[in-house]
């Protein structure tokens, strides 16, 4: 089973390397909100995805770590994410 999954991933990487997709604006908003929005507001933002409560709790647990980072350290992460999104949307 594990070998078949690895083989599938390799085949997809080799055959579909030029796949193009637009990044969903809601996803982009969620990613940037993860970096900069306070936890209560971010929890409301996650509600629109109708995710299971366990997934929301896990995301909020990681967000607590991100919230401890200074804004100066979060800035380069934002820049990198926006470059990736820009490249995907071309």
PDB file of N, CA and C in Angstrom:
ATOM      1  N   UNK A   1       0.826  -1.198   0.000  1.00  0.00           N
ATOM      2  CA  UNK A   1       0.000   0.000   0.000  1.00  0.00           C
ATOM      3  C   UNK A   1       0.871   1.264   0.000  1.00  0.00           C
ATOM      4  N   UNK A   2       1.892   1.289   0.841  1.00  0.00           N
ATOM      5  CA  UNK A   2       2.734   2.478   0.932  1.00  0.00           C
ATOM      6  C   UNK A   2       3.479   2.717  -0.366  1.00  0.00           C
ATOM      7  N   UNK A   3       3.946   1.644  -0.984  1.00  0.00           N
ATOM      8  CA  UNK A   3       4.677   1.783  -2.243  1.00  0.00           C
ATOM      9  C   UNK A   3       3.773   2.355  -3.323  1.00  0.00           C
ATOM     10  N   UNK A   4       2.515   1.926  -3.355  1.00  0.00           N
ATOM     11  CA  UNK A   4       1.609   2.428  -4.383  1.00  0.00           C
ATOM     12  C   UNK A   4       1.333   3.920  -4.211  1.00  0.00           C
ATOM     13  N   UNK A   5       1.240   4.371  -2.985  1.00  0.00           N
ATOM     14  CA  UNK A   5       1.020   5.803  -2.735  1.00  0.00           C
ATOM     15  C   UNK A   5       2.238   6.603  -3.178  1.00  0.00           C
ATOM     16  N   UNK A   6       3.430   6.128  -2.844  1.00  0.00           N
ATOM     17  CA  UNK A   6       4.655   6.813  -3.268  1.00  0.00           C
ATOM     18  C   UNK A   6       4.758   6.846  -4.789  1.00  0.00           C
ATOM     19  N   UNK A   7       4.447   5.721  -5.421  1.00  0.00           N
ATOM     20  CA  UNK A   7       4.497   5.648  -6.879  1.00  0.00           C
ATOM     21  C   UNK A   7       3.494   6.609  -7.508  1.00  0.00           C
ATOM     22  N   UNK A   8       2.313   6.690  -6.937  1.00  0.00           N
ATOM     23  CA  UNK A   8       1.300   7.618  -7.437  1.00  0.00           C
ATOM     24  C   UNK A   8       1.794   9.061  -7.347  1.00  0.00           C
ATOM     25  N   UNK A   9       2.402   9.425  -6.234  1.00  0.00           N
ATOM     26  CA  UNK A   9       2.913  10.782  -6.072  1.00  0.00           C
ATOM     27  C   UNK A   9       4.018  11.099  -7.079  1.00  0.00           C
ATOM     28  N   UNK A  10       4.894  10.130  -7.336  1.00  0.00           N
ATOM     29  CA  UNK A  10       5.960  10.337  -8.313  1.00  0.00           C
ATOM     30  C   UNK A  10       5.375  10.502  -9.706  1.00  0.00           C
ATOM     31  N   UNK A  11       4.402   9.677 -10.060  1.00  0.00           N
ATOM     32  CA  UNK A  11       3.773   9.773 -11.382  1.00  0.00           C
ATOM     33  C   UNK A  11       3.064  11.110 -11.546  1.00  0.00           C
ATOM     34  N   UNK A  12       2.363  11.531 -10.531  1.00  0.00           N
ATOM     35  CA  UNK A  12       1.683  12.826 -10.601  1.00  0.00           C
ATOM     36  C   UNK A  12       2.687  13.973 -10.752  1.00  0.00           C
ATOM     37  N   UNK A  13       3.790  13.883 -10.029  1.00  0.00           N
ATOM     38  CA  UNK A  13       4.802  14.937 -10.129  1.00  0.00           C
ATOM     39  C   UNK A  13       5.413  14.990 -11.525  1.00  0.00           C
ATOM     40  N   UNK A  14       5.639  13.842 -12.123  1.00  0.00           N
ATOM     41  CA  UNK A  14       6.253  13.803 -13.447  1.00  0.00           C
ATOM     42  C   UNK A  14       5.283  14.166 -14.562  1.00  0.00           C
ATOM     43  N   UNK A  15       4.049  13.766 -14.428  1.00  0.00           N
ATOM     44  CA  UNK A  15       3.079  13.967 -15.509  1.00  0.00           C
ATOM     45  C   UNK A  15       2.307  15.279 -15.396  1.00  0.00           C
ATOM     46  N   UNK A  16       2.189  15.814 -14.229  1.00  0.00           N
ATOM     47  CA  UNK A  16       1.331  16.985 -14.034  1.00  0.00           C
ATOM     48  C   UNK A  16       2.109  18.179 -13.512  1.00  0.00           C
ATOM     49  N   UNK A  17       3.371  18.281 -13.853  1.00  0.00           N
ATOM     50  CA  UNK A  17       4.179  19.351 -13.306  1.00  0.00           C
ATOM     51  C   UNK A  17       3.786  20.719 -13.823  1.00  0.00           C
ATOM     52  N   UNK A  18       3.054  20.791 -14.910  1.00  0.00           N
ATOM     53  CA  UNK A  18       2.654  22.079 -15.450  1.00  0.00           C
ATOM     54  C   UNK A  18       1.195  22.403 -15.152  1.00  0.00           C
ATOM     55  N   UNK A  19       0.626  21.756 -14.176  1.00  0.00           N
ATOM     56  CA  UNK A  19      -0.764  22.024 -13.834  1.00  0.00           C
ATOM     57  C   UNK A  19      -0.900  23.460 -13.335  1.00  0.00           C
ATOM     58  N   UNK A  20      -1.936  24.122 -13.776  1.00  0.00           N
ATOM     59  CA  UNK A  20      -2.186  25.499 -13.374  1.00  0.00           C
ATOM     60  C   UNK A  20      -3.484  25.567 -12.581  1.00  0.00           C
ATOM     61  N   UNK A  21      -3.476  26.376 -11.566  1.00  0.00           N
ATOM     62  CA  UNK A  21      -4.687  26.544 -10.764  1.00  0.00           C
ATOM     63  C   UNK A  21      -4.665  27.922 -10.129  1.00  0.00           C
ATOM     64  N   UNK A  22      -5.827  28.479  -9.977  1.00  0.00           N
ATOM     65  CA  UNK A  22      -5.964  29.758  -9.285  1.00  0.00           C
ATOM     66  C   UNK A  22      -6.141  29.472  -7.797  1.00  0.00           C
ATOM     67  N   UNK A  23      -5.525  30.278  -6.971  1.00  0.00           N
ATOM     68  CA  UNK A  23      -5.678  30.130  -5.531  1.00  0.00           C
ATOM     69  C   UNK A  23      -7.001  30.767  -5.130  1.00  0.00           C
ATOM     70  N   UNK A  24      -7.789  30.023  -4.396  1.00  0.00           N
ATOM     71  CA  UNK A  24      -9.085  30.488  -3.936  1.00  0.00           C
ATOM     72  C   UNK A  24      -8.898  31.708  -3.021  1.00  0.00           C
ATOM     73  N   UNK A  25      -9.616  32.801  -3.273  1.00  0.00           N
ATOM     74  CA  UNK A  25      -9.474  33.995  -2.419  1.00  0.00           C
ATOM     75  C   UNK A  25      -9.780  33.723  -0.945  1.00  0.00           C
ATOM     76  N   UNK A  26     -10.724  32.831  -0.683  1.00  0.00           N
ATOM     77  CA  UNK A  26     -11.050  32.506   0.711  1.00  0.00           C
ATOM     78  C   UNK A  26      -9.872  31.805   1.392  1.00  0.00           C
ATOM     79  N   UNK A  27      -9.181  30.950   0.642  1.00  0.00           N
ATOM     80  CA  UNK A  27      -8.018  30.267   1.198  1.00  0.00           C
ATOM     81  C   UNK A  27      -6.889  31.258   1.463  1.00  0.00           C
ATOM     82  N   UNK A  28      -6.665  32.166   0.539  1.00  0.00           N
ATOM     83  CA  UNK A  28      -5.627  33.178   0.724  1.00  0.00           C
ATOM     84  C   UNK A  28      -5.937  34.042   1.946  1.00  0.00           C
ATOM     85  N   UNK A  29      -7.191  34.416   2.098  1.00  0.00           N
ATOM     86  CA  UNK A  29      -7.607  35.203   3.257  1.00  0.00           C
ATOM     87  C   UNK A  29      -7.372  34.426   4.555  1.00  0.00           C
ATOM     88  N   UNK A  30      -7.647  33.130   4.521  1.00  0.00           N
ATOM     89  CA  UNK A  30      -7.453  32.295   5.704  1.00  0.00           C
ATOM     90  C   UNK A  30      -5.973  32.167   6.034  1.00  0.00           C
ATOM     91  N   UNK A  31      -5.135  32.005   5.026  1.00  0.00           N
ATOM     92  CA  UNK A  31      -3.697  31.856   5.257  1.00  0.00           C
ATOM     93  C   UNK A  31      -3.113  33.133   5.860  1.00  0.00           C
ATOM     94  N   UNK A  32      -3.463  34.274   5.290  1.00  0.00           N
ATOM     95  CA  UNK A  32      -2.953  35.535   5.825  1.00  0.00           C
ATOM     96  C   UNK A  32      -3.556  35.850   7.192  1.00  0.00           C
ATOM     97  N   UNK A  33      -4.818  35.473   7.383  1.00  0.00           N
ATOM     98  CA  UNK A  33      -5.445  35.643   8.688  1.00  0.00           C
ATOM     99  C   UNK A  33      -4.762  34.808   9.753  1.00  0.00           C
ATOM    100  N   UNK A  34      -4.304  33.636   9.362  1.00  0.00           N
ATOM    101  CA  UNK A  34      -3.574  32.753  10.270  1.00  0.00           C
ATOM    102  C   UNK A  34      -2.339  33.465  10.827  1.00  0.00           C
ATOM    103  N   UNK A  35      -1.731  34.306  10.006  1.00  0.00           N
ATOM    104  CA  UNK A  35      -0.527  35.010  10.432  1.00  0.00           C
ATOM    105  C   UNK A  35      -0.811  36.270  11.252  1.00  0.00           C
ATOM    106  N   UNK A  36      -1.899  36.986  10.933  1.00  0.00           N
ATOM    107  CA  UNK A  36      -2.041  38.340  11.470  1.00  0.00           C
ATOM    108  C   UNK A  36      -3.304  38.622  12.272  1.00  0.00           C
ATOM    109  N   UNK A  37      -4.346  37.826  12.170  1.00  0.00           N
ATOM    110  CA  UNK A  37      -5.615  38.111  12.846  1.00  0.00           C
ATOM    111  C   UNK A  37      -5.611  37.510  14.249  1.00  0.00           C
ATOM    112  N   UNK A  38      -6.273  38.173  15.189  1.00  0.00           N
ATOM    113  CA  UNK A  38      -6.411  37.636  16.541  1.00  0.00           C
ATOM    114  C   UNK A  38      -7.228  36.350  16.523  1.00  0.00           C
ATOM    115  N   UNK A  39      -7.007  35.513  17.531  1.00  0.00           N
ATOM    116  CA  UNK A  39      -7.627  34.189  17.568  1.00  0.00           C
ATOM    117  C   UNK A  39      -9.160  34.195  17.496  1.00  0.00           C
ATOM    118  N   UNK A  40      -9.880  35.048  18.245  1.00  0.00           N
ATOM    119  CA  UNK A  40     -11.349  35.012  18.164  1.00  0.00           C
ATOM    120  C   UNK A  40     -11.872  35.339  16.754  1.00  0.00           C
ATOM    121  N   UNK A  41     -11.257  36.310  16.107  1.00  0.00           N
ATOM    122  CA  UNK A  41     -11.681  36.685  14.754  1.00  0.00           C
ATOM    123  C   UNK A  41     -11.315  35.571  13.770  1.00  0.00           C
ATOM    124  N   UNK A  42     -10.145  34.972  13.963  1.00  0.00           N
ATOM    125  CA  UNK A  42      -9.715  33.882  13.084  1.00  0.00           C
ATOM    126  C   UNK A  42     -10.654  32.681  13.203  1.00  0.00           C
ATOM    127  N   UNK A  43     -11.129  32.415  14.420  1.00  0.00           N
ATOM    128  CA  UNK A  43     -12.069  31.304  14.628  1.00  0.00           C
ATOM    129  C   UNK A  43     -13.359  31.541  13.837  1.00  0.00           C
ATOM    130  N   UNK A  44     -13.829  32.775  13.809  1.00  0.00           N
ATOM    131  CA  UNK A  44     -15.012  33.110  13.004  1.00  0.00           C
ATOM    132  C   UNK A  44     -14.723  32.939  11.514  1.00  0.00           C
ATOM    133  N   UNK A  45     -13.520  33.304  11.102  1.00  0.00           N
ATOM    134  CA  UNK A  45     -13.140  33.156   9.703  1.00  0.00           C
ATOM    135  C   UNK A  45     -13.109  31.680   9.304  1.00  0.00           C
ATOM    136  N   UNK A  46     -12.665  30.814  10.198  1.00  0.00           N
ATOM    137  CA  UNK A  46     -12.624  29.375   9.912  1.00  0.00           C
ATOM    138  C   UNK A  46     -14.021  28.765   9.819  1.00  0.00           C
ATOM    139  N   UNK A  47     -14.994  29.380  10.461  1.00  0.00           N
ATOM    140  CA  UNK A  47     -16.351  28.824  10.500  1.00  0.00           C
ATOM    141  C   UNK A  47     -16.950  28.678   9.107  1.00  0.00           C
ATOM    142  N   UNK A  48     -16.550  29.520   8.163  1.00  0.00           N
ATOM    143  CA  UNK A  48     -17.137  29.436   6.822  1.00  0.00           C
ATOM    144  C   UNK A  48     -16.722  28.184   6.061  1.00  0.00           C
ATOM    145  N   UNK A  49     -15.695  27.470   6.540  1.00  0.00           N
ATOM    146  CA  UNK A  49     -15.246  26.247   5.876  1.00  0.00           C
ATOM    147  C   UNK A  49     -15.959  25.002   6.392  1.00  0.00           C
ATOM    148  N   UNK A  50     -16.743  25.138   7.461  1.00  0.00           N
ATOM    149  CA  UNK A  50     -17.457  24.007   8.056  1.00  0.00           C
ATOM    150  C   UNK A  50     -16.535  22.829   8.356  1.00  0.00           C
ATOM    151  N   UNK A  51     -15.374  23.123   8.896  1.00  0.00           N
ATOM    152  CA  UNK A  51     -14.393  22.087   9.236  1.00  0.00           C
ATOM    153  C   UNK A  51     -14.822  21.371  10.515  1.00  0.00           C
ATOM    154  N   UNK A  52     -14.387  20.115  10.673  1.00  0.00           N
ATOM    155  CA  UNK A  52     -14.687  19.400  11.923  1.00  0.00           C
ATOM    156  C   UNK A  52     -14.068  20.136  13.116  1.00  0.00           C
ATOM    157  N   UNK A  53     -14.708  20.058  14.276  1.00  0.00           N
ATOM    158  CA  UNK A  53     -14.198  20.761  15.465  1.00  0.00           C
ATOM    159  C   UNK A  53     -12.765  20.368  15.832  1.00  0.00           C
ATOM    160  N   UNK A  54     -12.395  19.107  15.576  1.00  0.00           N
ATOM    161  CA  UNK A  54     -11.035  18.668  15.887  1.00  0.00           C
ATOM    162  C   UNK A  54     -10.018  19.403  15.012  1.00  0.00           C
ATOM    163  N   UNK A  55     -10.358  19.611  13.750  1.00  0.00           N
ATOM    164  CA  UNK A  55      -9.456  20.312  12.830  1.00  0.00           C
ATOM    165  C   UNK A  55      -9.322  21.782  13.221  1.00  0.00           C
ATOM    166  N   UNK A  56     -10.428  22.393  13.607  1.00  0.00           N
ATOM    167  CA  UNK A  56     -10.395  23.794  14.036  1.00  0.00           C
ATOM    168  C   UNK A  56      -9.554  23.927  15.305  1.00  0.00           C
ATOM    169  N   UNK A  57      -9.735  23.000  16.236  1.00  0.00           N
ATOM    170  CA  UNK A  57      -8.967  23.044  17.485  1.00  0.00           C
ATOM    171  C   UNK A  57      -7.471  22.886  17.205  1.00  0.00           C
ATOM    172  N   UNK A  58      -7.118  21.997  16.289  1.00  0.00           N
ATOM    173  CA  UNK A  58      -5.711  21.799  15.945  1.00  0.00           C
ATOM    174  C   UNK A  58      -5.128  23.050  15.295  1.00  0.00           C
ATOM    175  N   UNK A  59      -5.887  23.660  14.409  1.00  0.00           N
ATOM    176  CA  UNK A  59      -5.426  24.883  13.733  1.00  0.00           C
ATOM    177  C   UNK A  59      -5.224  26.006  14.746  1.00  0.00           C
ATOM    178  N   UNK A  60      -6.141  26.132  15.688  1.00  0.00           N
ATOM    179  CA  UNK A  60      -6.024  27.175  16.707  1.00  0.00           C
ATOM    180  C   UNK A  60      -4.850  26.912  17.650  1.00  0.00           C
ATOM    181  N   UNK A  61      -4.539  25.649  17.870  1.00  0.00           N
ATOM    182  CA  UNK A  61      -3.389  25.304  18.707  1.00  0.00           C
ATOM    183  C   UNK A  61      -2.082  25.756  18.048  1.00  0.00           C
ATOM    184  N   UNK A  62      -1.985  25.535  16.742  1.00  0.00           N
ATOM    185  CA  UNK A  62      -0.797  25.994  16.007  1.00  0.00           C
ATOM    186  C   UNK A  62      -0.766  27.519  15.959  1.00  0.00           C
ATOM    187  N   UNK A  63      -1.943  28.134  15.832  1.00  0.00           N
ATOM    188  CA  UNK A  63      -2.016  29.602  15.773  1.00  0.00           C
ATOM    189  C   UNK A  63      -1.464  30.230  17.048  1.00  0.00           C
ATOM    190  N   UNK A  64      -1.637  29.563  18.181  1.00  0.00           N
ATOM    191  CA  UNK A  64      -1.084  30.084  19.433  1.00  0.00           C
ATOM    192  C   UNK A  64       0.432  30.230  19.333  1.00  0.00           C
ATOM    193  N   UNK A  65       1.090  29.301  18.658  1.00  0.00           N
ATOM    194  CA  UNK A  65       2.547  29.397  18.458  1.00  0.00           C
ATOM    195  C   UNK A  65       2.886  30.553  17.522  1.00  0.00           C
ATOM    196  N   UNK A  66       2.107  30.688  16.447  1.00  0.00           N
ATOM    197  CA  UNK A  66       2.348  31.766  15.481  1.00  0.00           C
ATOM    198  C   UNK A  66       2.154  33.122  16.157  1.00  0.00           C
ATOM    199  N   UNK A  67       1.161  33.221  17.029  1.00  0.00           N
ATOM    200  CA  UNK A  67       0.885  34.489  17.704  1.00  0.00           C
ATOM    201  C   UNK A  67       2.031  34.915  18.624  1.00  0.00           C
ATOM    202  N   UNK A  68       2.880  33.979  19.029  1.00  0.00           N
ATOM    203  CA  UNK A  68       4.020  34.314  19.876  1.00  0.00           C
ATOM    204  C   UNK A  68       5.191  34.880  19.064  1.00  0.00           C
ATOM    205  N   UNK A  69       5.149  34.713  17.742  1.00  0.00           N
ATOM    206  CA  UNK A  69       6.200  35.272  16.887  1.00  0.00           C
ATOM    207  C   UNK A  69       6.001  36.781  16.762  1.00  0.00           C
ATOM    208  N   UNK A  70       7.097  37.496  16.612  1.00  0.00           N
ATOM    209  CA  UNK A  70       6.976  38.940  16.402  1.00  0.00           C
ATOM    210  C   UNK A  70       6.479  39.206  14.977  1.00  0.00           C
ATOM    211  N   UNK A  71       5.884  40.373  14.782  1.00  0.00           N
ATOM    212  CA  UNK A  71       5.416  40.748  13.440  1.00  0.00           C
ATOM    213  C   UNK A  71       6.581  40.816  12.459  1.00  0.00           C
ATOM    214  N   UNK A  72       7.745  41.175  12.965  1.00  0.00           N
ATOM    215  CA  UNK A  72       8.941  41.250  12.123  1.00  0.00           C
ATOM    216  C   UNK A  72       9.281  39.886  11.529  1.00  0.00           C
ATOM    217  N   UNK A  73       9.061  38.815  12.288  1.00  0.00           N
ATOM    218  CA  UNK A  73       9.347  37.469  11.801  1.00  0.00           C
ATOM    219  C   UNK A  73       8.228  36.926  10.906  1.00  0.00           C
ATOM    220  N   UNK A  74       7.018  37.422  11.103  1.00  0.00           N
ATOM    221  CA  UNK A  74       5.899  36.956  10.277  1.00  0.00           C
ATOM    222  C   UNK A  74       5.912  37.589   8.892  1.00  0.00           C
ATOM    223  N   UNK A  75       6.498  38.779   8.769  1.00  0.00           N
ATOM    224  CA  UNK A  75       6.545  39.488   7.486  1.00  0.00           C
ATOM    225  C   UNK A  75       7.161  38.686   6.356  1.00  0.00           C
ATOM    226  N   UNK A  76       8.348  38.097   6.548  1.00  0.00           N
ATOM    227  CA  UNK A  76       8.944  37.306   5.456  1.00  0.00           C
ATOM    228  C   UNK A  76       8.097  36.097   5.055  1.00  0.00           C
ATOM    229  N   UNK A  77       7.378  35.523   6.011  1.00  0.00           N
ATOM    230  CA  UNK A  77       6.492  34.402   5.692  1.00  0.00           C
ATOM    231  C   UNK A  77       5.374  34.878   4.774  1.00  0.00           C
ATOM    232  N   UNK A  78       4.819  36.048   5.091  1.00  0.00           N
ATOM    233  CA  UNK A  78       3.769  36.622   4.254  1.00  0.00           C
ATOM    234  C   UNK A  78       4.287  36.883   2.842  1.00  0.00           C
ATOM    235  N   UNK A  79       5.472  37.463   2.736  1.00  0.00           N
ATOM    236  CA  UNK A  79       6.048  37.763   1.421  1.00  0.00           C
ATOM    237  C   UNK A  79       6.225  36.483   0.611  1.00  0.00           C
ATOM    238  N   UNK A  80       6.748  35.437   1.254  1.00  0.00           N
ATOM    239  CA  UNK A  80       6.951  34.166   0.552  1.00  0.00           C
ATOM    240  C   UNK A  80       5.626  33.571   0.083  1.00  0.00           C
ATOM    241  N   UNK A  81       4.601  33.604   0.940  1.00  0.00           N
ATOM    242  CA  UNK A  81       3.297  33.064   0.564  1.00  0.00           C
ATOM    243  C   UNK A  81       2.687  33.841  -0.598  1.00  0.00           C
ATOM    244  N   UNK A  82       2.816  35.154  -0.563  1.00  0.00           N
ATOM    245  CA  UNK A  82       2.253  35.966  -1.644  1.00  0.00           C
ATOM    246  C   UNK A  82       2.984  35.718  -2.964  1.00  0.00           C
ATOM    247  N   UNK A  83       4.286  35.466  -2.908  1.00  0.00           N
ATOM    248  CA  UNK A  83       5.028  35.139  -4.130  1.00  0.00           C
ATOM    249  C   UNK A  83       4.563  33.812  -4.705  1.00  0.00           C
ATOM    250  N   UNK A  84       4.316  32.848  -3.836  1.00  0.00           N
ATOM    251  CA  UNK A  84       3.823  31.539  -4.289  1.00  0.00           C
ATOM    252  C   UNK A  84       2.452  31.694  -4.933  1.00  0.00           C
ATOM    253  N   UNK A  85       1.573  32.453  -4.304  1.00  0.00           N
ATOM    254  CA  UNK A  85       0.226  32.666  -4.835  1.00  0.00           C
ATOM    255  C   UNK A  85       0.311  33.381  -6.178  1.00  0.00           C
ATOM    256  N   UNK A  86       1.162  34.389  -6.267  1.00  0.00           N
ATOM    257  CA  UNK A  86       1.320  35.127  -7.526  1.00  0.00           C
ATOM    258  C   UNK A  86       1.791  34.206  -8.643  1.00  0.00           C
ATOM    259  N   UNK A  87       2.725  33.332  -8.306  1.00  0.00           N
ATOM    260  CA  UNK A  87       3.253  32.398  -9.307  1.00  0.00           C
ATOM    261  C   UNK A  87       2.169  31.401  -9.741  1.00  0.00           C
ATOM    262  N   UNK A  88       1.340  30.948  -8.789  1.00  0.00           N
ATOM    263  CA  UNK A  88       0.272  29.999  -9.130  1.00  0.00           C
ATOM    264  C   UNK A  88      -0.810  30.647  -9.987  1.00  0.00           C
ATOM    265  N   UNK A  89      -1.051  31.923  -9.778  1.00  0.00           N
ATOM    266  CA  UNK A  89      -2.138  32.596 -10.484  1.00  0.00           C
ATOM    267  C   UNK A  89      -1.747  33.067 -11.880  1.00  0.00           C
ATOM    268  N   UNK A  90      -0.510  32.865 -12.270  1.00  0.00           N
ATOM    269  CA  UNK A  90      -0.099  33.275 -13.632  1.00  0.00           C
ATOM    270  C   UNK A  90      -0.557  32.287 -14.657  1.00  0.00           C
TER     271      UNK A  90
END
